[in-house]
């Protein structure tokens, strides 16, 4: 499955514009963004290493397709790809890496990702 294309189609007209506005409101600073918008009903973000490493995720699975059933943890690659897409749009001059730490579909309580910004 092409998770990258699936992820882009899922977030380009919904999540991306909101996140871009929030990022702009924070002066295009990821640390400020984490402080201001790091704890919402649908997502979380916290600074691990200033300007470089963050933990981001969801307090529960937010993917309607996954929640409909029949998906295993490999499907969480779609969430990883959506994070990469959004963050690359927020910071086009940076190299973004996103690593899955744990997900609801893998049996965890929440979905957690390590984000590295270079």
N, C-alpha and C. Protein backbone atom coordinates (compact mmCIF):
# COMPACT_ATOMS: atom_id res chain seq x y z
N UNK A 1 0.84 -1.19 0.00
CA UNK A 1 0.00 0.00 0.00
C UNK A 1 0.88 1.25 0.00
N UNK A 2 0.46 2.26 -0.72
CA UNK A 2 1.18 3.53 -0.78
C UNK A 2 0.67 4.42 0.35
N UNK A 3 1.28 4.27 1.52
CA UNK A 3 0.84 5.02 2.70
C UNK A 3 1.11 6.52 2.56
N UNK A 4 2.14 6.89 1.85
CA UNK A 4 2.46 8.31 1.68
C UNK A 4 1.31 9.04 0.98
N UNK A 5 0.87 8.51 -0.16
CA UNK A 5 -0.23 9.13 -0.90
C UNK A 5 -1.51 9.12 -0.08
N UNK A 6 -1.79 8.00 0.58
CA UNK A 6 -2.97 7.88 1.43
C UNK A 6 -2.94 8.94 2.53
N UNK A 7 -1.78 9.11 3.16
CA UNK A 7 -1.63 10.08 4.25
C UNK A 7 -1.83 11.50 3.75
N UNK A 8 -1.22 11.84 2.64
CA UNK A 8 -1.35 13.19 2.08
C UNK A 8 -2.81 13.49 1.78
N UNK A 9 -3.49 12.56 1.14
CA UNK A 9 -4.91 12.76 0.81
C UNK A 9 -5.77 12.92 2.06
N UNK A 10 -5.36 12.28 3.14
CA UNK A 10 -6.12 12.35 4.39
C UNK A 10 -5.98 13.71 5.09
N UNK A 11 -4.77 14.29 5.06
CA UNK A 11 -4.52 15.48 5.89
C UNK A 11 -4.35 16.80 5.14
N UNK A 12 -4.18 16.77 3.83
CA UNK A 12 -3.83 17.99 3.10
C UNK A 12 -4.87 19.10 3.22
N UNK A 13 -6.14 18.76 3.30
CA UNK A 13 -7.20 19.77 3.36
C UNK A 13 -7.82 19.91 4.74
N UNK A 14 -7.35 19.14 5.70
CA UNK A 14 -7.94 19.17 7.04
C UNK A 14 -6.90 19.53 8.10
N UNK A 15 -6.04 18.61 8.41
CA UNK A 15 -5.03 18.79 9.46
C UNK A 15 -3.99 19.82 9.05
N UNK A 16 -3.48 19.75 7.84
CA UNK A 16 -2.40 20.63 7.41
C UNK A 16 -2.73 22.12 7.57
N UNK A 17 -3.87 22.61 7.08
CA UNK A 17 -4.14 24.05 7.24
C UNK A 17 -4.21 24.49 8.70
N UNK A 18 -4.76 23.67 9.56
CA UNK A 18 -4.84 24.01 10.98
C UNK A 18 -3.45 24.06 11.60
N UNK A 19 -2.65 23.02 11.34
CA UNK A 19 -1.31 22.96 11.90
C UNK A 19 -0.44 24.11 11.36
N UNK A 20 -0.60 24.44 10.10
CA UNK A 20 0.17 25.55 9.52
C UNK A 20 -0.20 26.87 10.20
N UNK A 21 -1.48 27.08 10.46
CA UNK A 21 -1.91 28.30 11.14
C UNK A 21 -1.35 28.36 12.55
N UNK A 22 -1.42 27.25 13.27
CA UNK A 22 -0.87 27.20 14.63
C UNK A 22 0.62 27.48 14.61
N UNK A 23 1.32 26.89 13.65
CA UNK A 23 2.77 27.07 13.56
C UNK A 23 3.10 28.54 13.26
N UNK A 24 2.35 29.15 12.38
CA UNK A 24 2.52 30.57 12.07
C UNK A 24 2.26 31.41 13.33
N UNK A 25 1.20 31.08 14.06
CA UNK A 25 0.88 31.79 15.30
C UNK A 25 2.01 31.72 16.32
N UNK A 26 2.85 30.70 16.21
CA UNK A 26 3.98 30.50 17.13
C UNK A 26 5.30 31.03 16.56
N UNK A 27 5.20 31.87 15.55
CA UNK A 27 6.40 32.46 14.97
C UNK A 27 7.28 31.44 14.26
N UNK A 28 6.66 30.37 13.76
CA UNK A 28 7.36 29.31 13.05
C UNK A 28 8.44 28.66 13.93
N UNK A 29 8.15 28.55 15.22
CA UNK A 29 9.08 27.98 16.19
C UNK A 29 8.46 26.71 16.78
N UNK A 30 9.10 25.57 16.56
CA UNK A 30 8.55 24.29 16.99
C UNK A 30 8.47 24.18 18.51
N UNK A 31 9.43 24.74 19.23
CA UNK A 31 9.40 24.67 20.69
C UNK A 31 8.20 25.45 21.22
N UNK A 32 7.96 26.63 20.68
CA UNK A 32 6.80 27.43 21.08
C UNK A 32 5.51 26.71 20.70
N UNK A 33 5.50 26.11 19.53
CA UNK A 33 4.33 25.35 19.06
C UNK A 33 3.99 24.23 20.05
N UNK A 34 5.01 23.51 20.52
CA UNK A 34 4.77 22.42 21.47
C UNK A 34 4.23 22.95 22.79
N UNK A 35 4.74 24.09 23.23
CA UNK A 35 4.27 24.67 24.48
C UNK A 35 2.82 25.14 24.36
N UNK A 36 2.48 25.77 23.24
CA UNK A 36 1.15 26.37 23.08
C UNK A 36 0.08 25.35 22.65
N UNK A 37 0.44 24.44 21.74
CA UNK A 37 -0.54 23.52 21.18
C UNK A 37 -0.20 22.05 21.45
N UNK A 38 0.64 21.81 22.42
CA UNK A 38 1.14 20.47 22.68
C UNK A 38 0.19 19.55 23.42
N UNK A 39 -0.94 20.05 23.84
CA UNK A 39 -1.88 19.21 24.57
C UNK A 39 -3.30 19.56 24.17
N UNK A 40 -3.79 18.89 23.13
CA UNK A 40 -5.16 19.11 22.68
C UNK A 40 -5.94 17.81 22.85
N UNK A 41 -7.19 17.88 22.56
CA UNK A 41 -8.04 16.69 22.67
C UNK A 41 -7.60 15.58 21.71
N UNK A 42 -7.06 15.97 20.57
CA UNK A 42 -6.75 14.99 19.52
C UNK A 42 -5.27 14.69 19.33
N UNK A 43 -4.39 15.50 19.92
CA UNK A 43 -2.96 15.27 19.71
C UNK A 43 -2.14 15.86 20.86
N UNK A 44 -0.88 15.45 20.88
CA UNK A 44 0.06 16.02 21.85
C UNK A 44 1.42 16.19 21.19
N UNK A 45 2.20 17.10 21.73
CA UNK A 45 3.56 17.34 21.24
C UNK A 45 4.36 17.92 22.39
N UNK A 46 5.54 17.36 22.61
CA UNK A 46 6.39 17.92 23.65
C UNK A 46 7.84 17.92 23.19
N UNK A 47 8.54 18.93 23.66
CA UNK A 47 9.95 19.08 23.34
C UNK A 47 10.76 18.10 24.18
N UNK A 48 11.63 17.33 23.54
CA UNK A 48 12.56 16.44 24.23
C UNK A 48 13.94 17.10 24.26
N UNK A 49 14.37 17.60 23.10
CA UNK A 49 15.65 18.32 23.00
C UNK A 49 15.39 19.57 22.17
N UNK A 50 15.51 20.73 22.78
CA UNK A 50 15.16 22.01 22.17
C UNK A 50 15.65 22.12 20.73
N UNK A 51 14.67 22.42 19.85
CA UNK A 51 14.98 22.66 18.45
C UNK A 51 15.35 21.43 17.64
N UNK A 52 15.26 20.25 18.26
CA UNK A 52 15.79 19.08 17.56
C UNK A 52 14.92 17.81 17.69
N UNK A 53 14.55 17.43 18.90
CA UNK A 53 13.82 16.17 19.09
C UNK A 53 12.52 16.43 19.86
N UNK A 54 11.45 15.80 19.37
CA UNK A 54 10.13 15.98 19.95
C UNK A 54 9.43 14.63 20.05
N UNK A 55 8.49 14.53 20.96
CA UNK A 55 7.58 13.40 20.98
C UNK A 55 6.21 13.95 20.62
N UNK A 56 5.60 13.34 19.63
CA UNK A 56 4.28 13.77 19.17
C UNK A 56 3.39 12.54 19.04
N UNK A 57 2.09 12.77 19.09
CA UNK A 57 1.20 11.64 18.92
C UNK A 57 -0.25 11.97 19.22
N UNK A 58 -0.96 10.90 19.51
CA UNK A 58 -2.40 10.98 19.71
C UNK A 58 -2.77 10.21 20.98
N UNK A 59 -3.65 10.78 21.81
CA UNK A 59 -4.02 10.08 23.05
C UNK A 59 -4.86 8.82 22.79
N UNK A 60 -5.35 8.68 21.56
CA UNK A 60 -6.08 7.49 21.13
C UNK A 60 -5.97 7.42 19.61
N UNK A 61 -6.33 6.31 19.05
CA UNK A 61 -6.30 6.19 17.59
C UNK A 61 -7.33 7.16 17.00
N UNK A 62 -6.90 7.98 16.06
CA UNK A 62 -7.79 8.97 15.46
C UNK A 62 -8.12 8.66 13.99
N UNK A 63 -7.64 7.53 13.50
CA UNK A 63 -7.87 7.16 12.11
C UNK A 63 -9.20 6.43 11.96
N UNK A 64 -10.10 7.04 11.22
CA UNK A 64 -11.43 6.44 11.03
C UNK A 64 -11.34 5.07 10.36
N UNK A 65 -10.45 4.93 9.41
CA UNK A 65 -10.30 3.65 8.71
C UNK A 65 -9.80 2.56 9.66
N UNK A 66 -8.83 2.90 10.50
CA UNK A 66 -8.31 1.93 11.48
C UNK A 66 -9.38 1.58 12.51
N UNK A 67 -10.13 2.58 12.92
CA UNK A 67 -11.17 2.35 13.94
C UNK A 67 -12.31 1.49 13.41
N UNK A 68 -12.47 1.46 12.09
CA UNK A 68 -13.51 0.63 11.48
C UNK A 68 -13.18 -0.85 11.60
N UNK A 69 -11.91 -1.16 11.94
CA UNK A 69 -11.53 -2.55 12.16
C UNK A 69 -10.75 -3.17 11.02
N UNK A 70 -10.14 -4.30 11.33
CA UNK A 70 -9.44 -5.07 10.33
C UNK A 70 -8.05 -4.56 9.97
N UNK A 71 -7.51 -3.63 10.73
CA UNK A 71 -6.17 -3.10 10.44
C UNK A 71 -5.19 -3.56 11.52
N UNK A 72 -3.95 -3.86 11.10
CA UNK A 72 -2.91 -4.21 12.08
C UNK A 72 -1.95 -3.04 12.22
N UNK A 73 -0.93 -3.20 13.04
CA UNK A 73 -0.01 -2.11 13.36
C UNK A 73 0.74 -1.57 12.14
N UNK A 74 0.88 -2.35 11.09
CA UNK A 74 1.57 -1.85 9.90
C UNK A 74 0.82 -0.66 9.28
N UNK A 75 -0.48 -0.59 9.54
CA UNK A 75 -1.30 0.50 9.02
C UNK A 75 -0.90 1.84 9.64
N UNK A 76 -0.23 1.82 10.78
CA UNK A 76 0.19 3.05 11.45
C UNK A 76 1.27 3.79 10.67
N UNK A 77 1.83 3.15 9.65
CA UNK A 77 2.75 3.84 8.76
C UNK A 77 2.05 5.03 8.10
N UNK A 78 0.76 4.94 7.92
CA UNK A 78 -0.01 6.04 7.35
C UNK A 78 0.06 7.26 8.28
N UNK A 79 -0.07 7.05 9.57
CA UNK A 79 0.04 8.16 10.53
C UNK A 79 1.45 8.75 10.52
N UNK A 80 2.44 7.89 10.46
CA UNK A 80 3.83 8.36 10.40
C UNK A 80 4.04 9.23 9.16
N UNK A 81 3.53 8.76 8.03
CA UNK A 81 3.67 9.52 6.78
C UNK A 81 2.92 10.84 6.83
N UNK A 82 1.77 10.86 7.49
CA UNK A 82 1.02 12.13 7.59
C UNK A 82 1.79 13.13 8.45
N UNK A 83 2.42 12.65 9.51
CA UNK A 83 3.24 13.54 10.34
C UNK A 83 4.40 14.11 9.53
N UNK A 84 5.07 13.26 8.78
CA UNK A 84 6.18 13.72 7.95
C UNK A 84 5.69 14.79 6.98
N UNK A 85 4.59 14.52 6.31
CA UNK A 85 4.05 15.46 5.32
C UNK A 85 3.72 16.81 5.95
N UNK A 86 3.03 16.81 7.07
CA UNK A 86 2.65 18.05 7.74
C UNK A 86 3.90 18.81 8.19
N UNK A 87 4.82 18.11 8.85
CA UNK A 87 6.02 18.76 9.35
C UNK A 87 6.92 19.28 8.23
N UNK A 88 7.00 18.54 7.14
CA UNK A 88 7.79 19.03 5.99
C UNK A 88 7.18 20.28 5.40
N UNK A 89 5.87 20.39 5.44
CA UNK A 89 5.21 21.60 4.95
C UNK A 89 5.40 22.76 5.93
N UNK A 90 5.41 22.46 7.22
CA UNK A 90 5.62 23.49 8.23
C UNK A 90 7.05 24.01 8.21
N UNK A 91 8.00 23.12 7.95
CA UNK A 91 9.42 23.47 7.99
C UNK A 91 10.14 22.95 6.74
N UNK A 92 9.84 23.52 5.57
CA UNK A 92 10.39 22.98 4.32
C UNK A 92 11.91 23.02 4.23
N UNK A 93 12.54 23.86 5.01
CA UNK A 93 14.00 23.98 4.97
C UNK A 93 14.69 22.94 5.85
N UNK A 94 13.92 22.16 6.59
CA UNK A 94 14.47 21.18 7.53
C UNK A 94 14.31 19.75 7.01
N UNK A 95 15.16 18.88 7.52
CA UNK A 95 15.03 17.44 7.26
C UNK A 95 14.26 16.86 8.45
N UNK A 96 13.19 16.15 8.19
CA UNK A 96 12.30 15.61 9.23
C UNK A 96 12.37 14.09 9.22
N UNK A 97 12.58 13.51 10.38
CA UNK A 97 12.48 12.06 10.55
C UNK A 97 11.43 11.78 11.61
N UNK A 98 10.59 10.80 11.35
CA UNK A 98 9.55 10.40 12.30
C UNK A 98 9.65 8.89 12.50
N UNK A 99 9.75 8.51 13.75
CA UNK A 99 9.89 7.10 14.13
C UNK A 99 8.70 6.70 15.01
N UNK A 100 8.09 5.58 14.70
CA UNK A 100 7.00 5.07 15.53
C UNK A 100 7.59 4.52 16.83
N UNK A 101 7.10 5.01 17.96
CA UNK A 101 7.49 4.48 19.27
C UNK A 101 6.51 3.38 19.66
N UNK A 102 5.22 3.72 19.62
CA UNK A 102 4.17 2.75 19.93
C UNK A 102 2.85 3.28 19.38
N UNK A 103 1.93 2.36 19.12
CA UNK A 103 0.62 2.76 18.61
C UNK A 103 -0.48 1.92 19.25
N UNK A 104 -1.67 2.44 19.16
CA UNK A 104 -2.84 1.73 19.68
C UNK A 104 -3.01 0.40 18.95
N UNK A 105 -2.79 0.41 17.64
CA UNK A 105 -2.95 -0.84 16.88
C UNK A 105 -1.90 -1.88 17.22
N UNK A 106 -0.80 -1.46 17.86
CA UNK A 106 0.21 -2.42 18.31
C UNK A 106 -0.02 -2.84 19.76
N UNK A 107 -1.11 -2.34 20.35
CA UNK A 107 -1.47 -2.73 21.71
C UNK A 107 -1.18 -1.69 22.78
N UNK A 108 -0.65 -0.54 22.39
CA UNK A 108 -0.34 0.52 23.36
C UNK A 108 -1.59 1.31 23.72
N UNK A 109 -1.47 2.10 24.76
CA UNK A 109 -2.59 2.93 25.20
C UNK A 109 -2.79 4.14 24.30
N UNK A 110 -1.69 4.65 23.71
CA UNK A 110 -1.76 5.81 22.83
C UNK A 110 -0.73 5.66 21.72
N UNK A 111 -0.81 6.55 20.74
CA UNK A 111 0.12 6.54 19.61
C UNK A 111 1.20 7.58 19.87
N UNK A 112 2.47 7.11 19.87
CA UNK A 112 3.61 7.99 20.15
C UNK A 112 4.65 7.88 19.05
N UNK A 113 5.19 9.03 18.67
CA UNK A 113 6.18 9.10 17.61
C UNK A 113 7.34 9.99 18.05
N UNK A 114 8.55 9.60 17.69
CA UNK A 114 9.73 10.44 17.92
C UNK A 114 9.98 11.22 16.64
N UNK A 115 10.07 12.54 16.77
CA UNK A 115 10.28 13.43 15.63
C UNK A 115 11.66 14.09 15.79
N UNK A 116 12.48 13.93 14.77
CA UNK A 116 13.79 14.56 14.76
C UNK A 116 13.81 15.61 13.65
N UNK A 117 14.23 16.81 14.02
CA UNK A 117 14.30 17.93 13.08
C UNK A 117 15.77 18.30 12.90
N UNK A 118 16.24 18.22 11.68
CA UNK A 118 17.67 18.53 11.38
C UNK A 118 17.73 19.79 10.54
